[in-house]
Amino acid sequence: MQTKLILILLSCMILGACSTRDFQDSLNGSTSQRLMTHSIDDLVSGLSDPYLDQLKNKKVFLNSYFLSDSTLKNYADQRLSIELAGRFGAEVVKAQADSESVMTVFYTSLGTDIDSFGISIPLGYVPGVDNSTKLNIITLEKFHGISELYYYIGKTGHEHRSKVIQAKVKTDALGLPFITIPLSNIDRHDTFMTQFTE
């Protein structure tokens, strides 16, 4: 009887360890970083609005807002500045007094989102196992990097407000009891290795 109990507890611990997922809220993992940077890149490079032509060859002050002054916001600001300079010939200046035009940007989302659909068995009730631990029977794991913004361009009192623009980059996986099978890939075709092999 005692041997059966030890075998059952050992099996639960092994199964619990095999089903653990390590998706992080912070940008410590490469997948999170790539999802966000690709999402920001898609968002900024996809900006298409005739009002952006007002910035052509002008000194522009970029005034941006987000819930917190984070590294993601700073990264998005830099990426937007490079796009304005490259596509419109705008010179982004550090002070509004030195500018000929102002672009006020409101980031409404700069983050990752995790969804899981399917059948799983919670194992949080097992002593010594984290409450969020589960054994996947069959699940669809969705991990998204989402960037979203809207902006104002124009003279004070007569600004043009853009529509809300969103870019989403995702990677999905099929979760099974002892293995996770990737269903999509976030690799881009313009990576260092493909440039030299093509």
N, C-alpha and C. Protein backbone atom coordinates (compact mmCIF):
# COMPACT_ATOMS: atom_id res chain seq x y z
N MET A 1 0.82 -1.19 0.00
CA MET A 1 0.00 0.00 0.00
C MET A 1 0.87 1.26 0.00
N GLN A 2 1.89 1.25 0.83
CA GLN A 2 2.78 2.41 0.92
C GLN A 2 3.54 2.61 -0.40
N THR A 3 3.91 1.54 -1.07
CA THR A 3 4.61 1.62 -2.36
C THR A 3 3.71 2.24 -3.41
N LYS A 4 2.43 1.91 -3.42
CA LYS A 4 1.48 2.47 -4.38
C LYS A 4 1.33 3.98 -4.16
N LEU A 5 1.25 4.40 -2.91
CA LEU A 5 1.10 5.81 -2.59
C LEU A 5 2.32 6.60 -3.05
N ILE A 6 3.52 6.07 -2.80
CA ILE A 6 4.75 6.74 -3.22
C ILE A 6 4.80 6.80 -4.74
N LEU A 7 4.40 5.74 -5.43
CA LEU A 7 4.39 5.70 -6.89
C LEU A 7 3.41 6.72 -7.46
N ILE A 8 2.24 6.85 -6.85
CA ILE A 8 1.24 7.83 -7.32
C ILE A 8 1.77 9.25 -7.12
N LEU A 9 2.34 9.56 -5.97
CA LEU A 9 2.88 10.90 -5.72
C LEU A 9 4.04 11.22 -6.66
N LEU A 10 4.90 10.26 -6.90
CA LEU A 10 6.02 10.46 -7.82
C LEU A 10 5.52 10.70 -9.24
N SER A 11 4.51 9.96 -9.66
CA SER A 11 3.93 10.14 -10.99
C SER A 11 3.32 11.52 -11.14
N CYS A 12 2.61 12.00 -10.12
CA CYS A 12 2.00 13.34 -10.16
C CYS A 12 3.06 14.42 -10.28
N MET A 13 4.17 14.27 -9.55
CA MET A 13 5.24 15.28 -9.62
C MET A 13 5.89 15.29 -11.00
N ILE A 14 6.10 14.11 -11.58
CA ILE A 14 6.72 14.03 -12.92
C ILE A 14 5.79 14.63 -13.96
N LEU A 15 4.50 14.27 -13.90
CA LEU A 15 3.53 14.79 -14.87
C LEU A 15 3.38 16.30 -14.72
N GLY A 16 3.40 16.79 -13.48
CA GLY A 16 3.29 18.23 -13.25
C GLY A 16 4.47 18.98 -13.83
N ALA A 17 5.65 18.44 -13.71
CA ALA A 17 6.86 19.10 -14.23
C ALA A 17 6.85 19.12 -15.75
N CYS A 18 6.29 18.09 -16.39
CA CYS A 18 6.26 18.03 -17.85
C CYS A 18 5.26 19.01 -18.45
N SER A 19 4.29 19.46 -17.66
CA SER A 19 3.26 20.31 -18.23
C SER A 19 3.47 21.80 -17.94
N THR A 20 4.54 22.16 -17.31
CA THR A 20 4.78 23.55 -16.93
C THR A 20 5.11 24.40 -18.15
N ARG A 21 4.55 25.58 -18.21
CA ARG A 21 4.85 26.54 -19.27
C ARG A 21 5.54 27.74 -18.64
N ASP A 22 6.51 28.31 -19.30
CA ASP A 22 7.24 29.44 -18.75
C ASP A 22 7.08 30.66 -19.65
N PHE A 23 5.86 31.16 -19.74
CA PHE A 23 5.62 32.41 -20.43
C PHE A 23 5.75 33.52 -19.41
N GLN A 24 6.51 34.56 -19.73
CA GLN A 24 6.82 35.59 -18.75
C GLN A 24 6.13 36.89 -19.10
N ASP A 25 5.72 37.62 -18.06
CA ASP A 25 5.13 38.94 -18.26
C ASP A 25 6.18 39.93 -18.72
N SER A 26 7.40 39.80 -18.20
CA SER A 26 8.46 40.73 -18.57
C SER A 26 9.06 40.29 -19.90
N LEU A 27 9.97 41.08 -20.41
CA LEU A 27 10.59 40.79 -21.70
C LEU A 27 11.90 40.06 -21.54
N ASN A 28 12.00 39.18 -20.55
CA ASN A 28 13.23 38.43 -20.32
C ASN A 28 13.45 37.35 -21.35
N GLY A 29 12.41 36.77 -21.88
CA GLY A 29 12.55 35.69 -22.84
C GLY A 29 12.66 36.20 -24.27
N SER A 30 13.38 35.48 -25.09
CA SER A 30 13.58 35.86 -26.48
C SER A 30 12.26 35.88 -27.25
N THR A 31 11.38 34.93 -26.97
CA THR A 31 10.10 34.90 -27.68
C THR A 31 9.30 36.16 -27.40
N SER A 32 9.22 36.58 -26.13
CA SER A 32 8.51 37.82 -25.78
C SER A 32 9.12 39.02 -26.47
N GLN A 33 10.45 39.10 -26.46
CA GLN A 33 11.13 40.23 -27.08
C GLN A 33 10.87 40.27 -28.58
N ARG A 34 10.96 39.13 -29.24
CA ARG A 34 10.75 39.09 -30.68
C ARG A 34 9.30 39.38 -31.05
N LEU A 35 8.36 38.86 -30.27
CA LEU A 35 6.96 39.16 -30.54
C LEU A 35 6.71 40.67 -30.47
N MET A 36 7.26 41.31 -29.45
CA MET A 36 7.03 42.74 -29.30
C MET A 36 7.76 43.58 -30.33
N THR A 37 9.04 43.30 -30.57
CA THR A 37 9.78 44.13 -31.53
C THR A 37 9.25 43.94 -32.94
N HIS A 38 8.87 42.74 -33.32
CA HIS A 38 8.27 42.53 -34.65
C HIS A 38 6.91 43.23 -34.74
N SER A 39 6.16 43.19 -33.67
CA SER A 39 4.86 43.85 -33.65
C SER A 39 5.00 45.36 -33.80
N ILE A 40 5.94 45.95 -33.06
CA ILE A 40 6.19 47.39 -33.18
C ILE A 40 6.68 47.74 -34.58
N ASP A 41 7.56 46.92 -35.13
CA ASP A 41 8.05 47.15 -36.48
C ASP A 41 6.92 47.10 -37.50
N ASP A 42 6.04 46.11 -37.40
CA ASP A 42 4.90 46.01 -38.31
C ASP A 42 3.96 47.20 -38.17
N LEU A 43 3.74 47.63 -36.94
CA LEU A 43 2.85 48.76 -36.67
C LEU A 43 3.38 50.03 -37.33
N VAL A 44 4.65 50.33 -37.08
CA VAL A 44 5.23 51.58 -37.57
C VAL A 44 5.44 51.56 -39.08
N SER A 45 5.91 50.45 -39.62
CA SER A 45 6.15 50.40 -41.06
C SER A 45 4.84 50.36 -41.84
N GLY A 46 3.74 49.99 -41.17
CA GLY A 46 2.44 49.95 -41.84
C GLY A 46 1.64 51.24 -41.75
N LEU A 47 2.21 52.29 -41.16
CA LEU A 47 1.48 53.55 -41.08
C LEU A 47 1.22 54.10 -42.49
N SER A 48 -0.04 54.33 -42.79
CA SER A 48 -0.38 54.91 -44.09
C SER A 48 -1.54 55.88 -43.89
N ASP A 49 -1.24 57.14 -44.03
CA ASP A 49 -2.21 58.19 -43.80
C ASP A 49 -1.75 59.40 -44.60
N PRO A 50 -2.60 59.97 -45.44
CA PRO A 50 -2.17 61.14 -46.23
C PRO A 50 -1.72 62.32 -45.37
N TYR A 51 -2.20 62.40 -44.13
CA TYR A 51 -1.80 63.49 -43.23
C TYR A 51 -0.34 63.39 -42.82
N LEU A 52 0.24 62.20 -42.92
CA LEU A 52 1.66 62.04 -42.60
C LEU A 52 2.54 62.80 -43.59
N ASP A 53 2.02 63.06 -44.79
CA ASP A 53 2.78 63.84 -45.78
C ASP A 53 3.07 65.26 -45.30
N GLN A 54 2.30 65.74 -44.31
CA GLN A 54 2.55 67.07 -43.75
C GLN A 54 3.90 67.13 -43.04
N LEU A 55 4.45 65.98 -42.71
CA LEU A 55 5.72 65.94 -41.99
C LEU A 55 6.92 65.90 -42.92
N LYS A 56 6.67 65.83 -44.22
CA LYS A 56 7.75 65.68 -45.20
C LYS A 56 8.74 66.83 -45.10
N ASN A 57 10.01 66.46 -44.89
CA ASN A 57 11.14 67.40 -44.83
C ASN A 57 10.96 68.50 -43.78
N LYS A 58 10.28 68.19 -42.70
CA LYS A 58 10.08 69.17 -41.63
C LYS A 58 10.77 68.71 -40.35
N LYS A 59 10.99 69.65 -39.46
CA LYS A 59 11.47 69.35 -38.12
C LYS A 59 10.24 68.97 -37.29
N VAL A 60 10.25 67.74 -36.76
CA VAL A 60 9.08 67.20 -36.07
C VAL A 60 9.43 66.91 -34.61
N PHE A 61 8.53 67.34 -33.74
CA PHE A 61 8.64 66.98 -32.33
C PHE A 61 7.69 65.82 -32.09
N LEU A 62 8.21 64.71 -31.59
CA LEU A 62 7.42 63.52 -31.30
C LEU A 62 7.04 63.55 -29.82
N ASN A 63 5.76 63.69 -29.55
CA ASN A 63 5.23 63.77 -28.20
C ASN A 63 4.41 62.49 -27.97
N SER A 64 4.92 61.55 -27.17
CA SER A 64 4.24 60.26 -27.04
C SER A 64 3.85 59.97 -25.60
N TYR A 65 2.79 59.16 -25.47
CA TYR A 65 2.25 58.82 -24.16
C TYR A 65 1.95 57.32 -24.11
N PHE A 66 2.17 56.75 -22.92
CA PHE A 66 1.77 55.38 -22.64
C PHE A 66 1.47 55.31 -21.15
N LEU A 67 0.96 54.20 -20.69
CA LEU A 67 0.61 54.06 -19.27
C LEU A 67 1.81 54.26 -18.36
N SER A 68 2.98 53.85 -18.83
CA SER A 68 4.21 54.04 -18.07
C SER A 68 5.34 54.36 -19.04
N ASP A 69 6.35 55.02 -18.53
CA ASP A 69 7.50 55.34 -19.36
C ASP A 69 8.43 54.12 -19.35
N SER A 70 8.13 53.17 -20.22
CA SER A 70 8.83 51.89 -20.20
C SER A 70 9.84 51.78 -21.33
N THR A 71 10.63 50.72 -21.29
CA THR A 71 11.59 50.47 -22.36
C THR A 71 10.86 50.18 -23.67
N LEU A 72 9.67 49.59 -23.60
CA LEU A 72 8.89 49.35 -24.82
C LEU A 72 8.47 50.66 -25.47
N LYS A 73 8.03 51.61 -24.66
CA LYS A 73 7.63 52.91 -25.19
C LYS A 73 8.83 53.60 -25.83
N ASN A 74 9.98 53.56 -25.17
CA ASN A 74 11.18 54.18 -25.72
C ASN A 74 11.59 53.51 -27.03
N TYR A 75 11.50 52.18 -27.08
CA TYR A 75 11.82 51.45 -28.30
C TYR A 75 10.86 51.85 -29.43
N ALA A 76 9.56 51.90 -29.12
CA ALA A 76 8.57 52.28 -30.13
C ALA A 76 8.80 53.71 -30.62
N ASP A 77 9.15 54.62 -29.71
CA ASP A 77 9.46 56.01 -30.11
C ASP A 77 10.65 56.05 -31.06
N GLN A 78 11.70 55.31 -30.74
CA GLN A 78 12.88 55.29 -31.61
C GLN A 78 12.56 54.70 -32.98
N ARG A 79 11.78 53.62 -32.98
CA ARG A 79 11.41 52.99 -34.25
C ARG A 79 10.55 53.93 -35.09
N LEU A 80 9.63 54.67 -34.46
CA LEU A 80 8.80 55.65 -35.15
C LEU A 80 9.64 56.80 -35.68
N SER A 81 10.61 57.26 -34.90
CA SER A 81 11.50 58.34 -35.35
C SER A 81 12.28 57.94 -36.60
N ILE A 82 12.80 56.72 -36.62
CA ILE A 82 13.55 56.23 -37.78
C ILE A 82 12.64 56.14 -39.01
N GLU A 83 11.41 55.70 -38.81
CA GLU A 83 10.45 55.59 -39.93
C GLU A 83 10.11 56.97 -40.49
N LEU A 84 9.89 57.94 -39.61
CA LEU A 84 9.57 59.30 -40.06
C LEU A 84 10.74 59.90 -40.84
N ALA A 85 11.95 59.66 -40.36
CA ALA A 85 13.14 60.18 -41.06
C ALA A 85 13.35 59.47 -42.39
N GLY A 86 13.22 58.16 -42.40
CA GLY A 86 13.49 57.39 -43.61
C GLY A 86 12.44 57.55 -44.69
N ARG A 87 11.18 57.54 -44.30
CA ARG A 87 10.10 57.57 -45.29
C ARG A 87 9.69 58.99 -45.68
N PHE A 88 9.79 59.93 -44.75
CA PHE A 88 9.30 61.29 -45.02
C PHE A 88 10.40 62.35 -44.99
N GLY A 89 11.60 61.97 -44.67
CA GLY A 89 12.69 62.94 -44.59
C GLY A 89 12.54 63.88 -43.43
N ALA A 90 11.72 63.51 -42.44
CA ALA A 90 11.51 64.37 -41.27
C ALA A 90 12.71 64.28 -40.34
N GLU A 91 13.01 65.41 -39.71
CA GLU A 91 14.06 65.44 -38.70
C GLU A 91 13.38 65.54 -37.34
N VAL A 92 13.50 64.48 -36.53
CA VAL A 92 12.86 64.47 -35.21
C VAL A 92 13.76 65.25 -34.25
N VAL A 93 13.17 66.30 -33.65
CA VAL A 93 13.93 67.17 -32.74
C VAL A 93 13.50 66.89 -31.30
N LYS A 94 14.37 67.29 -30.36
CA LYS A 94 14.14 66.98 -28.95
C LYS A 94 13.26 68.00 -28.24
N ALA A 95 13.12 69.19 -28.78
CA ALA A 95 12.33 70.24 -28.12
C ALA A 95 11.24 70.74 -29.06
N GLN A 96 10.05 70.94 -28.53
CA GLN A 96 8.93 71.41 -29.35
C GLN A 96 9.21 72.80 -29.91
N ALA A 97 9.96 73.62 -29.18
CA ALA A 97 10.27 74.98 -29.66
C ALA A 97 11.10 74.96 -30.95
N ASP A 98 11.86 73.87 -31.17
CA ASP A 98 12.69 73.76 -32.38
C ASP A 98 11.95 73.13 -33.55
N SER A 99 10.68 72.79 -33.38
CA SER A 99 9.96 72.03 -34.41
C SER A 99 9.09 72.91 -35.29
N GLU A 100 8.80 72.36 -36.47
CA GLU A 100 7.84 72.99 -37.38
C GLU A 100 6.49 72.29 -37.32
N SER A 101 6.49 71.06 -36.80
CA SER A 101 5.27 70.27 -36.69
C SER A 101 5.37 69.35 -35.48
N VAL A 102 4.22 68.97 -34.95
CA VAL A 102 4.17 68.09 -33.78
C VAL A 102 3.34 66.86 -34.13
N MET A 103 3.85 65.70 -33.73
CA MET A 103 3.09 64.45 -33.84
C MET A 103 2.91 63.92 -32.42
N THR A 104 1.66 63.88 -31.96
CA THR A 104 1.35 63.39 -30.63
C THR A 104 0.82 61.98 -30.75
N VAL A 105 1.51 61.04 -30.13
CA VAL A 105 1.19 59.61 -30.25
C VAL A 105 0.70 59.07 -28.92
N PHE A 106 -0.39 58.32 -28.97
CA PHE A 106 -0.91 57.61 -27.80
C PHE A 106 -0.81 56.12 -28.07
N TYR A 107 0.09 55.44 -27.35
CA TYR A 107 0.18 53.99 -27.44
C TYR A 107 -0.91 53.40 -26.54
N THR A 108 -1.78 52.62 -27.10
CA THR A 108 -2.86 52.02 -26.31
C THR A 108 -2.54 50.59 -25.90
N SER A 109 -1.55 49.99 -26.55
CA SER A 109 -1.12 48.64 -26.17
C SER A 109 0.31 48.41 -26.63
N LEU A 110 1.13 47.94 -25.73
CA LEU A 110 2.49 47.48 -26.02
C LEU A 110 2.75 46.32 -25.06
N GLY A 111 2.35 45.12 -25.46
CA GLY A 111 2.50 44.00 -24.55
C GLY A 111 2.20 42.66 -25.19
N THR A 112 2.34 41.63 -24.39
CA THR A 112 2.07 40.27 -24.85
C THR A 112 0.77 39.77 -24.24
N ASP A 113 0.15 38.83 -24.93
CA ASP A 113 -1.11 38.26 -24.51
C ASP A 113 -1.02 36.75 -24.66
N ILE A 114 -1.47 36.00 -23.66
CA ILE A 114 -1.40 34.54 -23.69
C ILE A 114 -2.81 33.98 -23.55
N ASP A 115 -3.18 33.10 -24.48
CA ASP A 115 -4.46 32.42 -24.42
C ASP A 115 -4.22 30.92 -24.52
N SER A 116 -5.04 30.16 -23.81
CA SER A 116 -4.94 28.71 -23.87
C SER A 116 -6.36 28.15 -23.96
N PHE A 117 -6.60 27.34 -24.98
CA PHE A 117 -7.91 26.73 -25.19
C PHE A 117 -7.73 25.22 -25.25
N GLY A 118 -8.65 24.48 -24.65
CA GLY A 118 -8.58 23.04 -24.75
C GLY A 118 -8.88 22.36 -23.43
N ILE A 119 -8.39 21.13 -23.32
CA ILE A 119 -8.64 20.31 -22.15
C ILE A 119 -7.33 20.11 -21.39
N SER A 120 -7.38 20.46 -20.11
CA SER A 120 -6.20 20.26 -19.26
C SER A 120 -6.67 19.89 -17.86
N ILE A 121 -5.79 19.26 -17.11
CA ILE A 121 -6.10 18.85 -15.74
C ILE A 121 -5.27 19.71 -14.79
N PRO A 122 -5.92 20.50 -13.92
CA PRO A 122 -5.16 21.31 -12.96
C PRO A 122 -4.48 20.42 -11.93
N LEU A 123 -3.23 20.73 -11.62
CA LEU A 123 -2.47 19.96 -10.64
C LEU A 123 -2.06 20.80 -9.44
N GLY A 124 -2.65 21.99 -9.31
CA GLY A 124 -2.29 22.89 -8.22
C GLY A 124 -2.67 22.38 -6.85
N TYR A 125 -3.55 21.40 -6.79
CA TYR A 125 -3.96 20.85 -5.50
C TYR A 125 -2.92 19.89 -4.91
N VAL A 126 -1.95 19.45 -5.72
CA VAL A 126 -0.92 18.53 -5.24
C VAL A 126 0.06 19.32 -4.37
N PRO A 127 0.32 18.85 -3.15
CA PRO A 127 1.25 19.58 -2.27
C PRO A 127 2.63 19.77 -2.93
N GLY A 128 3.15 20.97 -2.82
CA GLY A 128 4.48 21.27 -3.36
C GLY A 128 4.48 21.64 -4.83
N VAL A 129 3.31 21.68 -5.46
CA VAL A 129 3.21 22.02 -6.88
C VAL A 129 2.56 23.40 -6.99
N ASP A 130 3.06 24.24 -7.88
CA ASP A 130 2.53 25.59 -8.08
C ASP A 130 1.04 25.53 -8.46
N ASN A 131 0.26 26.50 -7.98
CA ASN A 131 -1.18 26.53 -8.25
C ASN A 131 -1.53 26.58 -9.72
N SER A 132 -0.67 27.17 -10.55
CA SER A 132 -0.97 27.31 -11.98
C SER A 132 -0.55 26.10 -12.81
N THR A 133 0.05 25.10 -12.18
CA THR A 133 0.52 23.92 -12.92
C THR A 133 -0.66 23.10 -13.40
N LYS A 134 -0.56 22.66 -14.66
CA LYS A 134 -1.62 21.85 -15.25
C LYS A 134 -1.02 20.83 -16.20
N LEU A 135 -1.74 19.77 -16.43
CA LEU A 135 -1.35 18.75 -17.39
C LEU A 135 -2.24 18.91 -18.61
N ASN A 136 -1.65 19.25 -19.74
CA ASN A 136 -2.42 19.42 -20.96
C ASN A 136 -2.79 18.07 -21.55
N ILE A 137 -4.05 17.91 -21.83
CA ILE A 137 -4.51 16.73 -22.58
C ILE A 137 -4.40 17.07 -24.06
N ILE A 138 -5.07 18.13 -24.47
CA ILE A 138 -4.90 18.72 -25.80
C ILE A 138 -5.33 20.18 -25.69
N THR A 139 -4.40 21.09 -25.95
CA THR A 139 -4.68 22.53 -25.85
C THR A 139 -4.05 23.28 -27.01
N LEU A 140 -4.63 24.42 -27.31
CA LEU A 140 -4.04 25.35 -28.27
C LEU A 140 -3.51 26.52 -27.47
N GLU A 141 -2.19 26.71 -27.49
CA GLU A 141 -1.52 27.79 -26.76
C GLU A 141 -1.25 28.92 -27.74
N LYS A 142 -1.78 30.10 -27.46
CA LYS A 142 -1.58 31.26 -28.33
C LYS A 142 -0.81 32.32 -27.55
N PHE A 143 0.30 32.78 -28.12
CA PHE A 143 1.15 33.79 -27.50
C PHE A 143 1.30 34.92 -28.50
N HIS A 144 0.77 36.12 -28.18
CA HIS A 144 0.74 37.23 -29.11
C HIS A 144 1.52 38.43 -28.58
N GLY A 145 2.17 39.15 -29.49
CA GLY A 145 2.73 40.45 -29.20
C GLY A 145 1.83 41.47 -29.88
N ILE A 146 1.29 42.41 -29.12
CA ILE A 146 0.31 43.35 -29.66
C ILE A 146 0.79 44.78 -29.44
N SER A 147 0.82 45.55 -30.53
CA SER A 147 1.14 46.97 -30.47
C SER A 147 -0.03 47.73 -31.08
N GLU A 148 -0.40 48.83 -30.44
CA GLU A 148 -1.54 49.60 -30.92
C GLU A 148 -1.32 51.07 -30.58
N LEU A 149 -1.73 51.94 -31.50
CA LEU A 149 -1.58 53.38 -31.27
C LEU A 149 -2.58 54.17 -32.09
N TYR A 150 -2.72 55.43 -31.73
CA TYR A 150 -3.35 56.45 -32.59
C TYR A 150 -2.57 57.73 -32.37
N TYR A 151 -2.70 58.68 -33.29
CA TYR A 151 -1.88 59.89 -33.20
C TYR A 151 -2.65 61.10 -33.71
N TYR A 152 -2.12 62.27 -33.35
CA TYR A 152 -2.64 63.56 -33.82
C TYR A 152 -1.53 64.27 -34.58
N ILE A 153 -1.89 64.88 -35.72
CA ILE A 153 -0.96 65.70 -36.51
C ILE A 153 -1.70 66.96 -36.91
N GLY A 154 -1.00 68.09 -36.86
CA GLY A 154 -1.59 69.34 -37.31
C GLY A 154 -1.43 70.45 -36.31
N LYS A 155 -1.90 71.61 -36.70
CA LYS A 155 -1.81 72.78 -35.83
C LYS A 155 -2.75 72.63 -34.66
N THR A 156 -2.36 73.19 -33.52
CA THR A 156 -3.15 73.11 -32.30
C THR A 156 -4.56 73.65 -32.56
N GLY A 157 -5.52 72.84 -32.17
CA GLY A 157 -6.92 73.21 -32.38
C GLY A 157 -7.48 72.68 -33.69
N HIS A 158 -6.62 72.27 -34.61
CA HIS A 158 -7.06 71.75 -35.92
C HIS A 158 -6.37 70.42 -36.23
N GLU A 159 -6.03 69.67 -35.20
CA GLU A 159 -5.30 68.41 -35.40
C GLU A 159 -6.17 67.37 -36.10
N HIS A 160 -5.49 66.52 -36.85
CA HIS A 160 -6.14 65.35 -37.45
C HIS A 160 -5.85 64.16 -36.54
N ARG A 161 -6.90 63.44 -36.15
CA ARG A 161 -6.73 62.24 -35.33
C ARG A 161 -6.79 61.02 -36.25
N SER A 162 -5.79 60.17 -36.13
CA SER A 162 -5.78 58.95 -36.94
C SER A 162 -6.75 57.93 -36.36
N LYS A 163 -7.02 56.91 -37.14
CA LYS A 163 -7.77 55.78 -36.60
C LYS A 163 -6.84 54.99 -35.68
N VAL A 164 -7.38 54.11 -34.88
CA VAL A 164 -6.56 53.24 -34.03
C VAL A 164 -5.95 52.17 -34.93
N ILE A 165 -4.63 52.04 -34.84
CA ILE A 165 -3.89 51.11 -35.71
C ILE A 165 -3.29 50.04 -34.82
N GLN A 166 -3.42 48.78 -35.25
CA GLN A 166 -2.92 47.67 -34.44
C GLN A 166 -2.09 46.72 -35.29
N ALA A 167 -1.06 46.17 -34.68
CA ALA A 167 -0.26 45.11 -35.30
C ALA A 167 -0.13 43.98 -34.28
N LYS A 168 -0.35 42.77 -34.75
CA LYS A 168 -0.29 41.60 -33.88
C LYS A 168 0.63 40.56 -34.52
N VAL A 169 1.59 40.09 -33.75
CA VAL A 169 2.48 39.01 -34.19
C VAL A 169 2.23 37.85 -33.24
N LYS A 170 2.09 36.65 -33.78
CA LYS A 170 1.72 35.53 -32.92
C LYS A 170 2.57 34.30 -33.18
N THR A 171 2.61 33.46 -32.17
CA THR A 171 3.16 32.13 -32.29
C THR A 171 2.21 31.19 -31.55
N ASP A 172 1.81 30.12 -32.20
CA ASP A 172 0.86 29.17 -31.62
C ASP A 172 1.51 27.81 -31.46
N ALA A 173 0.98 27.04 -30.51
CA ALA A 173 1.51 25.69 -30.29
C ALA A 173 0.38 24.78 -29.84
N LEU A 174 0.52 23.50 -30.16
CA LEU A 174 -0.40 22.47 -29.72
C LEU A 174 0.20 21.82 -28.48
N GLY A 175 -0.51 21.93 -27.35
CA GLY A 175 -0.02 21.35 -26.10
C GLY A 175 -0.59 19.96 -25.88
N LEU A 176 0.28 19.00 -25.75
CA LEU A 176 -0.08 17.61 -25.46
C LEU A 176 0.53 17.22 -24.11
N PRO A 177 0.18 16.05 -23.55
CA PRO A 177 0.67 15.74 -22.20
C PRO A 177 2.18 15.81 -22.00
N PHE A 178 2.97 15.36 -22.96
CA PHE A 178 4.41 15.32 -22.73
C PHE A 178 5.22 16.11 -23.75
N ILE A 179 4.54 16.84 -24.64
CA ILE A 179 5.25 17.57 -25.69
C ILE A 179 4.39 18.74 -26.14
N THR A 180 5.06 19.80 -26.57
CA THR A 180 4.39 20.94 -27.18
C THR A 180 4.88 21.05 -28.61
N ILE A 181 3.94 21.08 -29.56
CA ILE A 181 4.28 21.11 -30.98
C ILE A 181 4.01 22.51 -31.52
N PRO A 182 5.05 23.22 -32.02
CA PRO A 182 4.82 24.55 -32.59
C PRO A 182 3.96 24.47 -33.85
N LEU A 183 2.98 25.39 -33.96
CA LEU A 183 2.12 25.45 -35.14
C LEU A 183 2.47 26.62 -36.04
N SER A 184 3.12 27.62 -35.48
CA SER A 184 3.53 28.78 -36.26
C SER A 184 4.89 29.24 -35.76
N ASN A 185 5.51 30.09 -36.54
CA ASN A 185 6.87 30.52 -36.24
C ASN A 185 6.96 32.02 -36.39
N ILE A 186 7.69 32.69 -35.52
CA ILE A 186 7.82 34.15 -35.61
C ILE A 186 9.08 34.58 -36.34
N ASP A 187 9.81 33.63 -36.90
CA ASP A 187 11.02 33.98 -37.64
C ASP A 187 10.66 34.84 -38.84
N ARG A 188 11.48 35.83 -39.09
CA ARG A 188 11.32 36.69 -40.26
C ARG A 188 12.26 36.22 -41.35
N HIS A 189 11.92 36.48 -42.60
CA HIS A 189 12.74 36.02 -43.72
C HIS A 189 13.96 36.89 -43.97
N ASP A 190 14.04 38.05 -43.33
CA ASP A 190 15.17 38.93 -43.57
C ASP A 190 16.22 38.83 -42.46
N THR A 191 16.39 37.66 -41.90
CA THR A 191 17.37 37.47 -40.85
C THR A 191 18.78 37.41 -41.43
N PHE A 192 19.77 37.52 -40.57
CA PHE A 192 21.18 37.53 -40.96
C PHE A 192 21.53 36.30 -41.79
N MET A 193 21.12 35.13 -41.33
CA MET A 193 21.52 33.90 -42.01
C MET A 193 20.91 33.79 -43.40
N THR A 194 19.65 34.19 -43.58
CA THR A 194 19.04 34.05 -44.90
C THR A 194 19.62 35.05 -45.88
N GLN A 195 20.10 36.17 -45.40
CA GLN A 195 20.70 37.16 -46.31
C GLN A 195 21.93 36.59 -46.98
N PHE A 196 22.66 35.76 -46.27
CA PHE A 196 23.90 35.22 -46.83
C PHE A 196 23.70 33.90 -47.55
N THR A 197 22.58 33.24 -47.34
CA THR A 197 22.35 31.95 -47.99
C THR A 197 21.52 32.06 -49.25
N GLU A 198 20.84 33.17 -49.46
CA GLU A 198 20.00 33.31 -50.65
C GLU A 198 20.78 33.85 -51.83
